[in-house]
Structure formats: C-alpha cells, structure tokens
PDB file of N, CA and C in Angstrom:
ATOM      1  N   MET A   1       1.535  31.033 -55.490  1.00  0.00           N
ATOM      2  CA  MET A   1       0.853  29.383 -54.778  1.00  0.00           C
ATOM      3  C   MET A   1       0.706  30.554 -53.117  1.00  0.00           C
ATOM      4  N   ASN A   2      -0.215  29.396 -52.922  1.00  0.00           N
ATOM      5  CA  ASN A   2      -0.971  30.234 -51.150  1.00  0.00           C
ATOM      6  C   ASN A   2      -0.021  29.659 -50.123  1.00  0.00           C
ATOM      7  N   THR A   3       1.429  30.067 -49.602  1.00  0.00           N
ATOM      8  CA  THR A   3       2.162  29.825 -48.660  1.00  0.00           C
ATOM      9  C   THR A   3       1.800  29.330 -47.173  1.00  0.00           C
ATOM     10  N   LYS A   4      -0.008  29.874 -46.928  1.00  0.00           N
ATOM     11  CA  LYS A   4      -0.143  29.552 -45.484  1.00  0.00           C
ATOM     12  C   LYS A   4      -0.626  28.297 -45.741  1.00  0.00           C
ATOM     13  N   GLN A   5      -0.951  27.744 -47.205  1.00  0.00           N
ATOM     14  CA  GLN A   5      -1.656  25.952 -46.785  1.00  0.00           C
ATOM     15  C   GLN A   5      -0.880  25.122 -46.136  1.00  0.00           C
ATOM     16  N   PRO A   6      -1.125  24.416 -45.720  1.00  0.00           N
ATOM     17  CA  PRO A   6      -0.253  23.569 -45.090  1.00  0.00           C
ATOM     18  C   PRO A   6       1.170  22.560 -46.253  1.00  0.00           C
ATOM     19  N   LEU A   7       1.532  21.944 -45.319  1.00  0.00           N
ATOM     20  CA  LEU A   7       2.871  20.997 -46.512  1.00  0.00           C
ATOM     21  C   LEU A   7       2.187  20.798 -48.041  1.00  0.00           C
ATOM     22  N   ALA A   8       1.332  19.380 -47.078  1.00  0.00           N
ATOM     23  CA  ALA A   8       0.982  17.917 -47.324  1.00  0.00           C
ATOM     24  C   ALA A   8      -0.135  18.687 -48.608  1.00  0.00           C
ATOM     25  N   LEU A   9      -1.088  19.607 -48.871  1.00  0.00           N
ATOM     26  CA  LEU A   9      -2.100  20.003 -49.812  1.00  0.00           C
ATOM     27  C   LEU A   9      -1.228  21.123 -50.476  1.00  0.00           C
ATOM     28  N   ARG A  10      -0.358  21.649 -50.708  1.00  0.00           N
ATOM     29  CA  ARG A  10       1.010  22.063 -51.142  1.00  0.00           C
ATOM     30  C   ARG A  10       1.318  21.474 -52.330  1.00  0.00           C
ATOM     31  N   LEU A  11       2.146  20.400 -51.880  1.00  0.00           N
ATOM     32  CA  LEU A  11       2.969  18.880 -52.218  1.00  0.00           C
ATOM     33  C   LEU A  11       1.290  18.631 -53.049  1.00  0.00           C
ATOM     34  N   ALA A  12       0.214  17.972 -51.918  1.00  0.00           N
ATOM     35  CA  ALA A  12      -0.819  18.127 -53.408  1.00  0.00           C
ATOM     36  C   ALA A  12      -1.486  18.692 -54.877  1.00  0.00           C
ATOM     37  N   ASP A  13      -1.386  19.879 -54.771  1.00  0.00           N
ATOM     38  CA  ASP A  13      -1.888  20.866 -55.369  1.00  0.00           C
ATOM     39  C   ASP A  13      -0.727  20.682 -56.356  1.00  0.00           C
ATOM     40  N   ARG A  14       1.047  20.598 -56.187  1.00  0.00           N
ATOM     41  CA  ARG A  14       1.930  21.172 -57.428  1.00  0.00           C
ATOM     42  C   ARG A  14       1.621  19.298 -58.301  1.00  0.00           C
ATOM     43  N   ILE A  15       1.196  18.240 -56.975  1.00  0.00           N
ATOM     44  CA  ILE A  15       1.782  17.083 -57.822  1.00  0.00           C
ATOM     45  C   ILE A  15       0.270  16.615 -58.976  1.00  0.00           C
ATOM     46  N   ASP A  16      -1.020  17.918 -58.593  1.00  0.00           N
ATOM     47  CA  ASP A  16      -1.688  17.670 -59.381  1.00  0.00           C
ATOM     48  C   ASP A  16      -1.958  18.348 -60.486  1.00  0.00           C
ATOM     49  N   TYR A  17      -0.638  19.808 -60.593  1.00  0.00           N
ATOM     50  CA  TYR A  17      -0.175  20.396 -61.503  1.00  0.00           C
ATOM     51  C   TYR A  17       0.853  20.356 -62.186  1.00  0.00           C
ATOM     52  N   HIS A  18       1.662  19.748 -61.962  1.00  0.00           N
ATOM     53  CA  HIS A  18       2.790  19.629 -62.687  1.00  0.00           C
ATOM     54  C   HIS A  18       2.046  17.753 -63.733  1.00  0.00           C
ATOM     55  N   THR A  19       1.288  16.884 -62.628  1.00  0.00           N
ATOM     56  CA  THR A  19       1.136  15.886 -63.374  1.00  0.00           C
ATOM     57  C   THR A  19      -0.115  15.697 -65.156  1.00  0.00           C
ATOM     58  N   GLU A  20      -0.354  17.224 -64.872  1.00  0.00           N
ATOM     59  CA  GLU A  20      -0.921  17.733 -66.124  1.00  0.00           C
ATOM     60  C   GLU A  20      -0.255  17.570 -67.253  1.00  0.00           C
ATOM     61  N   TYR A  21       0.903  18.009 -66.813  1.00  0.00           N
ATOM     62  CA  TYR A  21       1.743  18.133 -68.730  1.00  0.00           C
ATOM     63  C   TYR A  21       3.149  17.174 -68.505  1.00  0.00           C
ATOM     64  N   ASP A  22       2.775  15.725 -67.528  1.00  0.00           N
ATOM     65  CA  ASP A  22       3.813  15.085 -67.817  1.00  0.00           C
ATOM     66  C   ASP A  22       2.817  13.553 -68.047  1.00  0.00           C
ATOM     67  N   LEU A  23       3.877  14.320 -70.060  1.00  0.00           N
ATOM     68  CA  LEU A  23       2.979  12.449 -70.188  1.00  0.00           C
ATOM     69  C   LEU A  23       3.756  11.307 -69.810  1.00  0.00           C
ATOM     70  N   GLU A  24       4.665  11.104 -68.815  1.00  0.00           N
ATOM     71  CA  GLU A  24       4.612   9.739 -68.626  1.00  0.00           C
ATOM     72  C   GLU A  24       3.865   9.425 -67.781  1.00  0.00           C
ATOM     73  N   LEU A  25       3.258  10.244 -66.729  1.00  0.00           N
ATOM     74  CA  LEU A  25       2.344   9.969 -65.405  1.00  0.00           C
ATOM     75  C   LEU A  25       1.713   9.630 -66.041  1.00  0.00           C
ATOM     76  N   ALA A  26       0.589  10.847 -67.258  1.00  0.00           N
ATOM     77  CA  ALA A  26      -1.081  10.553 -67.696  1.00  0.00           C
ATOM     78  C   ALA A  26      -1.172   9.635 -67.676  1.00  0.00           C
ATOM     79  N   GLY A  27      -2.318   9.326 -66.991  1.00  0.00           N
ATOM     80  CA  GLY A  27      -3.159   8.653 -66.896  1.00  0.00           C
ATOM     81  C   GLY A  27      -2.445   7.142 -66.230  1.00  0.00           C
ATOM     82  N   THR A  28      -2.075   7.733 -65.264  1.00  0.00           N
ATOM     83  CA  THR A  28      -1.369   6.029 -65.055  1.00  0.00           C
ATOM     84  C   THR A  28      -1.933   6.247 -63.358  1.00  0.00           C
ATOM     85  N   GLY A  29      -1.613   7.100 -62.501  1.00  0.00           N
ATOM     86  CA  GLY A  29      -2.343   6.204 -61.904  1.00  0.00           C
ATOM     87  C   GLY A  29      -2.269   7.139 -59.990  1.00  0.00           C
ATOM     88  N   ILE A  30      -1.343   7.437 -60.631  1.00  0.00           N
ATOM     89  CA  ILE A  30       0.057   8.116 -59.495  1.00  0.00           C
ATOM     90  C   ILE A  30      -0.240   9.084 -59.218  1.00  0.00           C
ATOM     91  N   ASP A  31      -0.453   9.723 -60.414  1.00  0.00           N
ATOM     92  CA  ASP A  31      -0.518  11.199 -59.546  1.00  0.00           C
ATOM     93  C   ASP A  31      -1.691  10.966 -58.798  1.00  0.00           C
ATOM     94  N   GLU A  32      -2.392  10.761 -59.435  1.00  0.00           N
ATOM     95  CA  GLU A  32      -3.863  11.336 -58.266  1.00  0.00           C
ATOM     96  C   GLU A  32      -3.343  11.177 -57.225  1.00  0.00           C
ATOM     97  N   GLN A  33      -3.258   9.010 -57.171  1.00  0.00           N
ATOM     98  CA  GLN A  33      -3.076   8.504 -55.407  1.00  0.00           C
ATOM     99  C   GLN A  33      -2.454   9.273 -54.441  1.00  0.00           C
ATOM    100  N   ALA A  34      -1.099   9.891 -55.114  1.00  0.00           N
ATOM    101  CA  ALA A  34      -0.119  10.426 -54.771  1.00  0.00           C
ATOM    102  C   ALA A  34      -1.404  11.650 -53.876  1.00  0.00           C
ATOM    103  N   ALA A  35      -1.967  13.151 -54.354  1.00  0.00           N
ATOM    104  CA  ALA A  35      -2.177  13.132 -54.012  1.00  0.00           C
ATOM    105  C   ALA A  35      -3.543  13.331 -52.819  1.00  0.00           C
ATOM    106  N   ALA A  36      -4.147  12.075 -53.627  1.00  0.00           N
ATOM    107  CA  ALA A  36      -4.768  11.893 -52.622  1.00  0.00           C
ATOM    108  C   ALA A  36      -4.422  11.750 -51.492  1.00  0.00           C
ATOM    109  N   GLU A  37      -3.288  10.612 -51.327  1.00  0.00           N
ATOM    110  CA  GLU A  37      -2.596  10.603 -49.787  1.00  0.00           C
ATOM    111  C   GLU A  37      -2.259  11.280 -49.104  1.00  0.00           C
ATOM    112  N   LEU A  38      -1.836  12.437 -49.142  1.00  0.00           N
ATOM    113  CA  LEU A  38      -1.377  13.310 -48.526  1.00  0.00           C
ATOM    114  C   LEU A  38      -2.939  14.684 -48.689  1.00  0.00           C
ATOM    115  N   ARG A  39      -3.708  14.756 -49.510  1.00  0.00           N
ATOM    116  CA  ARG A  39      -5.001  15.079 -48.864  1.00  0.00           C
ATOM    117  C   ARG A  39      -5.496  14.308 -46.940  1.00  0.00           C
ATOM    118  N   ARG A  40      -5.131  12.905 -47.858  1.00  0.00           N
ATOM    119  CA  ARG A  40      -5.668  12.212 -46.023  1.00  0.00           C
ATOM    120  C   ARG A  40      -4.794  12.195 -45.105  1.00  0.00           C
ATOM    121  N   LEU A  41      -3.479  12.400 -45.507  1.00  0.00           N
ATOM    122  CA  LEU A  41      -2.854  12.029 -44.206  1.00  0.00           C
ATOM    123  C   LEU A  41      -2.638  14.206 -43.794  1.00  0.00           C
ATOM    124  N   HIS A  42      -2.533  15.226 -44.542  1.00  0.00           N
ATOM    125  CA  HIS A  42      -3.926  16.159 -43.726  1.00  0.00           C
ATOM    126  C   HIS A  42      -4.819  16.374 -42.990  1.00  0.00           C
ATOM    127  N   ASN A  43      -5.622  15.175 -43.957  1.00  0.00           N
ATOM    128  CA  ASN A  43      -6.773  15.070 -42.542  1.00  0.00           C
ATOM    129  C   ASN A  43      -6.885  14.392 -41.045  1.00  0.00           C
ATOM    130  N   VAL A  44      -5.875  13.607 -41.286  1.00  0.00           N
ATOM    131  CA  VAL A  44      -5.543  12.794 -40.453  1.00  0.00           C
ATOM    132  C   VAL A  44      -5.038  13.645 -39.519  1.00  0.00           C
ATOM    133  N   LYS A  45      -3.942  14.217 -39.786  1.00  0.00           N
ATOM    134  CA  LYS A  45      -3.506  15.571 -38.535  1.00  0.00           C
ATOM    135  C   LYS A  45      -3.530  15.792 -38.465  1.00  0.00           C
ATOM    136  N   LEU A  46      -4.643  16.727 -38.330  1.00  0.00           N
ATOM    137  CA  LEU A  46      -6.152  17.917 -38.109  1.00  0.00           C
ATOM    138  C   LEU A  46      -6.401  16.908 -37.150  1.00  0.00           C
ATOM    139  N   ALA A  47      -7.172  15.845 -37.398  1.00  0.00           N
ATOM    140  CA  ALA A  47      -7.602  14.725 -36.236  1.00  0.00           C
ATOM    141  C   ALA A  47      -6.785  14.602 -35.246  1.00  0.00           C
ATOM    142  N   PHE A  48      -5.256  14.383 -35.573  1.00  0.00           N
ATOM    143  CA  PHE A  48      -4.750  14.306 -34.557  1.00  0.00           C
ATOM    144  C   PHE A  48      -3.908  15.432 -33.548  1.00  0.00           C
ATOM    145  N   ASP A  49      -4.124  16.796 -33.969  1.00  0.00           N
ATOM    146  CA  ASP A  49      -3.893  18.186 -33.539  1.00  0.00           C
ATOM    147  C   ASP A  49      -4.775  18.133 -32.458  1.00  0.00           C
ATOM    148  N   GLU A  50      -6.016  17.977 -33.420  1.00  0.00           N
ATOM    149  CA  GLU A  50      -7.029  18.127 -32.061  1.00  0.00           C
ATOM    150  C   GLU A  50      -7.232  17.245 -31.475  1.00  0.00           C
ATOM    151  N   TRP A  51      -6.884  15.858 -31.531  1.00  0.00           N
ATOM    152  CA  TRP A  51      -7.314  14.779 -29.592  1.00  0.00           C
ATOM    153  C   TRP A  51      -6.370  15.402 -28.406  1.00  0.00           C
ATOM    154  N   ILE A  52      -4.799  15.636 -29.549  1.00  0.00           N
ATOM    155  CA  ILE A  52      -3.429  15.863 -28.822  1.00  0.00           C
ATOM    156  C   ILE A  52      -3.737  17.606 -27.690  1.00  0.00           C
ATOM    157  N   ASP A  53      -5.059  18.354 -28.403  1.00  0.00           N
ATOM    158  CA  ASP A  53      -5.926  19.289 -28.506  1.00  0.00           C
ATOM    159  C   ASP A  53      -6.470  19.513 -26.826  1.00  0.00           C
ATOM    160  N   LYS A  54      -7.475  18.567 -27.468  1.00  0.00           N
ATOM    161  CA  LYS A  54      -8.040  18.543 -25.923  1.00  0.00           C
ATOM    162  C   LYS A  54      -8.691  17.599 -25.668  1.00  0.00           C
ATOM    163  N   THR A  55      -7.286  16.758 -24.967  1.00  0.00           N
ATOM    164  CA  THR A  55      -6.966  15.602 -24.156  1.00  0.00           C
ATOM    165  C   THR A  55      -5.582  16.166 -23.580  1.00  0.00           C
ATOM    166  N   GLU A  56      -4.660  17.276 -22.926  1.00  0.00           N
ATOM    167  CA  GLU A  56      -4.024  17.633 -22.816  1.00  0.00           C
ATOM    168  C   GLU A  56      -4.016  17.720 -21.405  1.00  0.00           C
ATOM    169  N   TRP A  57      -4.987  18.240 -20.260  1.00  0.00           N
ATOM    170  CA  TRP A  57      -5.497  17.874 -19.267  1.00  0.00           C
ATOM    171  C   TRP A  57      -5.505  17.271 -18.401  1.00  0.00           C
ATOM    172  N   VAL A  58      -5.497  16.143 -19.508  1.00  0.00           N
ATOM    173  CA  VAL A  58      -4.997  14.741 -19.305  1.00  0.00           C
ATOM    174  C   VAL A  58      -3.242  14.065 -18.733  1.00  0.00           C
ATOM    175  N   GLN A  59      -2.725  15.268 -19.697  1.00  0.00           N
ATOM    176  CA  GLN A  59      -1.575  14.742 -19.551  1.00  0.00           C
ATOM    177  C   GLN A  59      -1.773  15.764 -18.044  1.00  0.00           C
ATOM    178  N   SER A  60      -1.799  17.144 -18.350  1.00  0.00           N
ATOM    179  CA  SER A  60      -1.371  17.607 -17.218  1.00  0.00           C
ATOM    180  C   SER A  60      -1.794  17.599 -15.416  1.00  0.00           C
ATOM    181  N   THR A  61      -2.906  16.266 -15.536  1.00  0.00           N
ATOM    182  CA  THR A  61      -3.505  15.784 -14.500  1.00  0.00           C
ATOM    183  C   THR A  61      -2.534  15.190 -13.584  1.00  0.00           C
ATOM    184  N   GLY A  62      -2.021  14.189 -15.112  1.00  0.00           N
ATOM    185  CA  GLY A  62      -1.488  12.857 -14.522  1.00  0.00           C
ATOM    186  C   GLY A  62      -0.911  12.724 -13.096  1.00  0.00           C
ATOM    187  N   ASP A  63      -1.340  11.131 -12.151  1.00  0.00           N
ATOM    188  CA  ASP A  63      -0.314  11.126 -11.018  1.00  0.00           C
ATOM    189  C   ASP A  63       0.595   9.532 -11.954  1.00  0.00           C
ATOM    190  N   ALA A  64       0.898   9.143 -10.702  1.00  0.00           N
ATOM    191  CA  ALA A  64       1.991   8.240 -11.112  1.00  0.00           C
ATOM    192  C   ALA A  64       1.320   7.106 -11.024  1.00  0.00           C
ATOM    193  N   ARG A  65       0.548   6.689 -10.796  1.00  0.00           N
ATOM    194  CA  ARG A  65      -0.180   5.729 -11.719  1.00  0.00           C
ATOM    195  C   ARG A  65      -0.558   5.433 -12.556  1.00  0.00           C
ATOM    196  N   GLU A  66      -0.730   6.701 -13.795  1.00  0.00           N
ATOM    197  CA  GLU A  66      -0.720   6.731 -14.970  1.00  0.00           C
ATOM    198  C   GLU A  66       0.180   7.181 -15.881  1.00  0.00           C
ATOM    199  N   LEU A  67       1.542   7.413 -15.116  1.00  0.00           N
ATOM    200  CA  LEU A  67       2.871   6.637 -16.179  1.00  0.00           C
ATOM    201  C   LEU A  67       2.948   6.437 -17.102  1.00  0.00           C
ATOM    202  N   GLY A  68       3.494   6.491 -18.506  1.00  0.00           N
ATOM    203  CA  GLY A  68       3.328   5.438 -19.578  1.00  0.00           C
ATOM    204  C   GLY A  68       2.358   5.101 -20.327  1.00  0.00           C
ATOM    205  N   LYS A  69       1.243   5.436 -19.740  1.00  0.00           N
ATOM    206  CA  LYS A  69      -0.634   4.993 -20.338  1.00  0.00           C
ATOM    207  C   LYS A  69      -0.907   6.577 -21.923  1.00  0.00           C
ATOM    208  N   HIS A  70      -1.872   5.425 -22.240  1.00  0.00           N
ATOM    209  CA  HIS A  70      -1.591   6.100 -23.474  1.00  0.00           C
ATOM    210  C   HIS A  70      -2.872   7.116 -22.757  1.00  0.00           C
ATOM    211  N   ARG A  71      -3.172   8.742 -23.803  1.00  0.00           N
ATOM    212  CA  ARG A  71      -4.367   9.361 -22.621  1.00  0.00           C
ATOM    213  C   ARG A  71      -5.834   9.172 -22.858  1.00  0.00           C
ATOM    214  N   ALA A  72      -6.671   7.765 -24.162  1.00  0.00           N
ATOM    215  CA  ALA A  72      -7.124   7.219 -23.610  1.00  0.00           C
ATOM    216  C   ALA A  72      -7.838   6.216 -22.714  1.00  0.00           C
ATOM    217  N   ASP A  73      -6.648   5.753 -22.242  1.00  0.00           N
ATOM    218  CA  ASP A  73      -6.848   4.402 -21.500  1.00  0.00           C
ATOM    219  C   ASP A  73      -6.232   5.216 -20.036  1.00  0.00           C
ATOM    220  N   VAL A  74      -6.452   6.455 -20.091  1.00  0.00           N
ATOM    221  CA  VAL A  74      -6.294   7.325 -18.951  1.00  0.00           C
ATOM    222  C   VAL A  74      -7.077   7.576 -17.977  1.00  0.00           C
ATOM    223  N   MET A  75      -7.665   7.953 -19.926  1.00  0.00           N
ATOM    224  CA  MET A  75      -9.314   8.463 -19.248  1.00  0.00           C
ATOM    225  C   MET A  75     -10.256   7.743 -19.348  1.00  0.00           C
ATOM    226  N   ARG A  76     -10.455   6.016 -19.934  1.00  0.00           N
ATOM    227  CA  ARG A  76     -11.151   5.148 -19.527  1.00  0.00           C
ATOM    228  C   ARG A  76     -11.409   4.756 -18.501  1.00  0.00           C
ATOM    229  N   GLU A  77      -9.543   4.910 -17.770  1.00  0.00           N
ATOM    230  CA  GLU A  77      -9.679   4.303 -15.910  1.00  0.00           C
ATOM    231  C   GLU A  77     -10.177   5.802 -15.340  1.00  0.00           C
ATOM    232  N   ARG A  78      -9.959   6.681 -15.668  1.00  0.00           N
ATOM    233  CA  ARG A  78     -11.073   7.663 -14.321  1.00  0.00           C
ATOM    234  C   ARG A  78     -12.260   7.097 -14.789  1.00  0.00           C
ATOM    235  N   VAL A  79     -13.381   7.672 -16.400  1.00  0.00           N
ATOM    236  CA  VAL A  79     -14.203   7.193 -15.876  1.00  0.00           C
ATOM    237  C   VAL A  79     -15.179   6.115 -15.287  1.00  0.00           C
ATOM    238  N   GLU A  80     -13.969   5.472 -15.068  1.00  0.00           N
ATOM    239  CA  GLU A  80     -14.711   3.826 -14.312  1.00  0.00           C
ATOM    240  C   GLU A  80     -14.500   4.271 -12.953  1.00  0.00           C
ATOM    241  N   ARG A  81     -13.614   4.518 -12.309  1.00  0.00           N
ATOM    242  CA  ARG A  81     -13.776   5.001 -11.320  1.00  0.00           C
ATOM    243  C   ARG A  81     -14.331   5.657 -11.044  1.00  0.00           C
ATOM    244  N   LEU A  82     -15.442   7.181 -11.103  1.00  0.00           N
ATOM    245  CA  LEU A  82     -15.717   7.854 -11.616  1.00  0.00           C
ATOM    246  C   LEU A  82     -17.023   7.124 -10.734  1.00  0.00           C
ATOM    247  N   HIS A  83     -17.816   5.778 -11.723  1.00  0.00           N
ATOM    248  CA  HIS A  83     -18.287   5.137 -12.328  1.00  0.00           C
ATOM    249  C   HIS A  83     -19.156   4.829 -10.860  1.00  0.00           C
ATOM    250  N   SER A  84     -17.934   3.892 -10.623  1.00  0.00           N
ATOM    251  CA  SER A  84     -17.785   3.663  -9.434  1.00  0.00           C
ATOM    252  C   SER A  84     -18.076   3.778  -7.866  1.00  0.00           C
ATOM    253  N   GLU A  85     -17.308   5.243  -8.463  1.00  0.00           N
ATOM    254  CA  GLU A  85     -17.301   6.058  -6.741  1.00  0.00           C
ATOM    255  C   GLU A  85     -18.875   6.754  -6.865  1.00  0.00           C
ATOM    256  N   ASN A  86     -19.510   6.724  -8.202  1.00  0.00           N
ATOM    257  CA  ASN A  86     -20.769   6.938  -8.207  1.00  0.00           C
ATOM    258  C   ASN A  86     -21.861   6.001  -7.694  1.00  0.00           C
ATOM    259  N   GLU A  87     -21.732   4.726  -7.998  1.00  0.00           N
ATOM    260  CA  GLU A  87     -22.505   4.344  -7.554  1.00  0.00           C
ATOM    261  C   GLU A  87     -22.172   3.680  -5.769  1.00  0.00           C
ATOM    262  N   TRP A  88     -21.171   3.945  -5.969  1.00  0.00           N
ATOM    263  CA  TRP A  88     -20.757   3.205  -4.394  1.00  0.00           C
ATOM    264  C   TRP A  88     -21.831   5.038  -3.331  1.00  0.00           C
ATOM    265  N   LEU A  89     -21.463   5.988  -3.527  1.00  0.00           N
ATOM    266  CA  LEU A  89     -22.332   7.171  -3.211  1.00  0.00           C
ATOM    267  C   LEU A  89     -23.243   6.725  -2.852  1.00  0.00           C
ATOM    268  N   ARG A  90     -23.821   6.776  -4.232  1.00  0.00           N
ATOM    269  CA  ARG A  90     -25.654   6.596  -4.339  1.00  0.00           C
ATOM    270  C   ARG A  90     -25.938   5.218  -3.774  1.00  0.00           C
ATOM    271  N   GLY A  91     -25.382   4.468  -3.524  1.00  0.00           N
ATOM    272  CA  GLY A  91     -25.945   3.507  -2.650  1.00  0.00           C
ATOM    273  C   GLY A  91     -26.176   3.728  -1.025  1.00  0.00           C
ATOM    274  N   VAL A  92     -24.693   4.784  -0.851  1.00  0.00           N
ATOM    275  CA  VAL A  92     -24.665   5.250   0.472  1.00  0.00           C
ATOM    276  C   VAL A  92     -25.636   5.890   0.496  1.00  0.00           C
ATOM    277  N   LEU A  93     -26.124   7.130   0.404  1.00  0.00           N
ATOM    278  CA  LEU A  93     -27.547   7.687   0.262  1.00  0.00           C
ATOM    279  C   LEU A  93     -28.946   6.813   0.209  1.00  0.00           C
ATOM    280  N   ALA A  94     -28.823   5.504  -0.748  1.00  0.00           N
ATOM    281  CA  ALA A  94     -29.918   5.227  -0.055  1.00  0.00           C
ATOM    282  C   ALA A  94     -30.483   4.062   1.265  1.00  0.00           C
ATOM    283  N   HIS A  95     -28.597   3.780   1.560  1.00  0.00           N
ATOM    284  CA  HIS A  95     -28.825   3.483   3.098  1.00  0.00           C
ATOM    285  C   HIS A  95     -29.593   4.672   4.317  1.00  0.00           C
ATOM    286  N   VAL A  96     -28.751   5.619   3.400  1.00  0.00           N
ATOM    287  CA  VAL A  96     -29.068   7.002   4.409  1.00  0.00           C
ATOM    288  C   VAL A  96     -30.322   7.264   4.844  1.00  0.00           C
ATOM    289  N   LYS A  97     -30.810   7.285   3.248  1.00  0.00           N
ATOM    290  CA  LYS A  97     -32.657   7.449   3.668  1.00  0.00           C
ATOM    291  C   LYS A  97     -33.210   6.172   4.196  1.00  0.00           C
ATOM    292  N   ALA A  98     -32.893   5.500   4.142  1.00  0.00           N
ATOM    293  CA  ALA A  98     -33.881   4.221   4.674  1.00  0.00           C
ATOM    294  C   ALA A  98     -34.032   3.680   6.253  1.00  0.00           C
ATOM    295  N   THR A  99     -33.056   4.317   6.373  1.00  0.00           N
ATOM    296  CA  THR A  99     -32.121   4.367   7.787  1.00  0.00           C
ATOM    297  C   THR A  99     -32.957   4.887   8.583  1.00  0.00           C
ATOM    298  N   LEU A 100     -31.893   6.710   8.239  1.00  0.00           N
ATOM    299  CA  LEU A 100     -32.742   6.972   8.933  1.00  0.00           C
ATOM    300  C   LEU A 100     -34.038   7.844   9.472  1.00  0.00           C
ATOM    301  N   PRO A 101     -34.429   7.774  10.254  1.00  0.00           N
ATOM    302  CA  PRO A 101     -36.080   8.356  10.610  1.00  0.00           C
ATOM    303  C   PRO A 101     -36.381   9.135  10.210  1.00  0.00           C
ATOM    304  N   ASP A 102     -37.381   9.991   9.703  1.00  0.00           N
ATOM    305  CA  ASP A 102     -38.760  11.537   9.109  1.00  0.00           C
ATOM    306  C   ASP A 102     -37.821  12.273   9.147  1.00  0.00           C
ATOM    307  N   ASP A 103     -37.988  12.258  10.938  1.00  0.00           N
ATOM    308  CA  ASP A 103     -37.474  13.291  11.803  1.00  0.00           C
ATOM    309  C   ASP A 103     -36.092  14.055  11.648  1.00  0.00           C
ATOM    310  N   VAL A 104     -35.322  13.293  11.170  1.00  0.00           N
ATOM    311  CA  VAL A 104     -33.959  13.119  10.986  1.00  0.00           C
ATOM    312  C   VAL A 104     -33.661  13.990   9.902  1.00  0.00           C
ATOM    313  N   LEU A 105     -34.039  13.070   9.272  1.00  0.00           N
ATOM    314  CA  LEU A 105     -34.135  13.422   7.733  1.00  0.00           C
ATOM    315  C   LEU A 105     -34.846  14.705   7.268  1.00  0.00           C
ATOM    316  N   ASN A 106     -35.298  16.275   7.972  1.00  0.00           N
ATOM    317  CA  ASN A 106     -35.667  17.110   7.079  1.00  0.00           C
ATOM    318  C   ASN A 106     -36.115  17.296   6.467  1.00  0.00           C
ATOM    319  N   GLY A 107     -37.391  17.953   5.543  1.00  0.00           N
ATOM    320  CA  GLY A 107     -37.479  18.532   3.994  1.00  0.00           C
ATOM    321  C   GLY A 107     -36.358  18.973   2.919  1.00  0.00           C
ATOM    322  N   HIS A 108     -35.520  19.517   3.437  1.00  0.00           N
ATOM    323  CA  HIS A 108     -34.629  19.911   2.293  1.00  0.00           C
ATOM    324  C   HIS A 108     -33.457  18.953   2.255  1.00  0.00           C
ATOM    325  N   LEU A 109     -32.642  18.203   2.787  1.00  0.00           N
ATOM    326  CA  LEU A 109     -32.051  16.493   3.258  1.00  0.00           C
ATOM    327  C   LEU A 109     -32.774  15.612   2.516  1.00  0.00           C
ATOM    328  N   LYS A 110     -34.420  15.403   2.720  1.00  0.00           N
ATOM    329  CA  LYS A 110     -34.820  14.283   2.107  1.00  0.00           C
ATOM    330  C   LYS A 110     -34.806  14.764   0.492  1.00  0.00           C
ATOM    331  N   THR A 111     -35.099  16.199   0.102  1.00  0.00           N
ATOM    332  CA  THR A 111     -35.408  16.782  -0.761  1.00  0.00           C
ATOM    333  C   THR A 111     -34.051  16.984  -1.997  1.00  0.00           C
ATOM    334  N   MET A 112     -32.716  16.957  -1.296  1.00  0.00           N
ATOM    335  CA  MET A 112     -31.762  16.931  -1.600  1.00  0.00           C
ATOM    336  C   MET A 112     -30.959  15.013  -1.954  1.00  0.00           C
ATOM    337  N   ILE A 113     -31.745  13.905  -0.811  1.00  0.00           N
ATOM    338  CA  ILE A 113     -31.130  12.963  -1.471  1.00  0.00           C
ATOM    339  C   ILE A 113     -32.397  11.908  -2.138  1.00  0.00           C
ATOM    340  N   ASP A 114     -33.621  12.631  -2.370  1.00  0.00           N
ATOM    341  CA  ASP A 114     -34.506  12.417  -2.953  1.00  0.00           C
ATOM    342  C   ASP A 114     -34.171  12.693  -4.606  1.00  0.00           C
ATOM    343  N   SER A 115     -33.728  13.770  -5.097  1.00  0.00           N
ATOM    344  CA  SER A 115     -33.317  14.765  -6.022  1.00  0.00           C
ATOM    345  C   SER A 115     -32.123  13.603  -6.964  1.00  0.00           C
ATOM    346  N   THR A 116     -30.868  13.445  -5.300  1.00  0.00           N
ATOM    347  CA  THR A 116     -29.598  12.885  -6.535  1.00  0.00           C
ATOM    348  C   THR A 116     -29.790  11.241  -6.527  1.00  0.00           C
ATOM    349  N   LEU A 117     -31.043  10.504  -5.936  1.00  0.00           N
ATOM    350  CA  LEU A 117     -31.016   9.135  -6.279  1.00  0.00           C
ATOM    351  C   LEU A 117     -32.541   9.417  -7.730  1.00  0.00           C
ATOM    352  N   GLN A 118     -32.922   9.725  -7.909  1.00  0.00           N
ATOM    353  CA  GLN A 118     -33.735   9.969  -9.393  1.00  0.00           C
ATOM    354  C   GLN A 118     -32.591  10.197  -9.969  1.00  0.00           C
ATOM    355  N   ARG A 119     -31.682  11.060 -10.177  1.00  0.00           N
ATOM    356  CA  ARG A 119     -30.947  10.873 -11.520  1.00  0.00           C
ATOM    357  C   ARG A 119     -30.388   9.819 -12.117  1.00  0.00           C
ATOM    358  N   GLY A 120     -30.502   8.795 -11.733  1.00  0.00           N
ATOM    359  CA  GLY A 120     -29.826   7.611 -12.260  1.00  0.00           C
ATOM    360  C   GLY A 120     -28.279   7.120 -12.762  1.00  0.00           C
TER     361      GLY A 120
END
C-alpha cells in the first residue's frame, strides 16, 4: 500500500478491496458510496487547500476594518474600492484634459492622458 497517498484515498482503496470479499456488503452499494464519498472529500480538500494557498496574501495584508470578514468578502470589497478609485481618477484625468490649454498639455503628457483614458 502506498503510504504517500492521502488518507482519504487509502481508505477508499481499502473499502474497494475489502468489499470484494465481504458477502454482507456485496451488491448493497454501500461500499461504492463510501469510497466515492471519500474520493469526493479528497477533491474538496485539494480545492480548499489551493484556495487557502492562493489567498494567503489577503490575510497577511489585512487591516483593522477587515478583521472577522471572509477572505472572499475582503477581496470583493478591495476590488470594488479599486474600481471606484479608478473611475474617479479617470474622471479627474478627463477633466484635466478638457480644462487645461493645449500649450500646457505638452505632447508627452497629452499622450499619457489619452492612453490612460482609452484603456476603458
């Protein structure tokens, strides 16, 4: 038996192996259901572990306002705040472009503003 295999998968394999020889369980479907559930739970654990690994930065960069909130909620709030700030800054740039005379908006600055506003 492979001891490096996760416990849930080892148990599922043992259930599969032992129920082949257990006449009481034969044909009941209990063995297949239990083994399938263990494999499903193993996949859920893999997905959960990946989520935790990929969102650890949310925990390590949190501030007091975010204490006690779910990582997904913190991420959503941060993205919404960034979208709002981006929209406001783009409005400021559009206003600057519309109100400053062309001689003040030299070529490079005008190009940078136009490029930023075109990104949408």
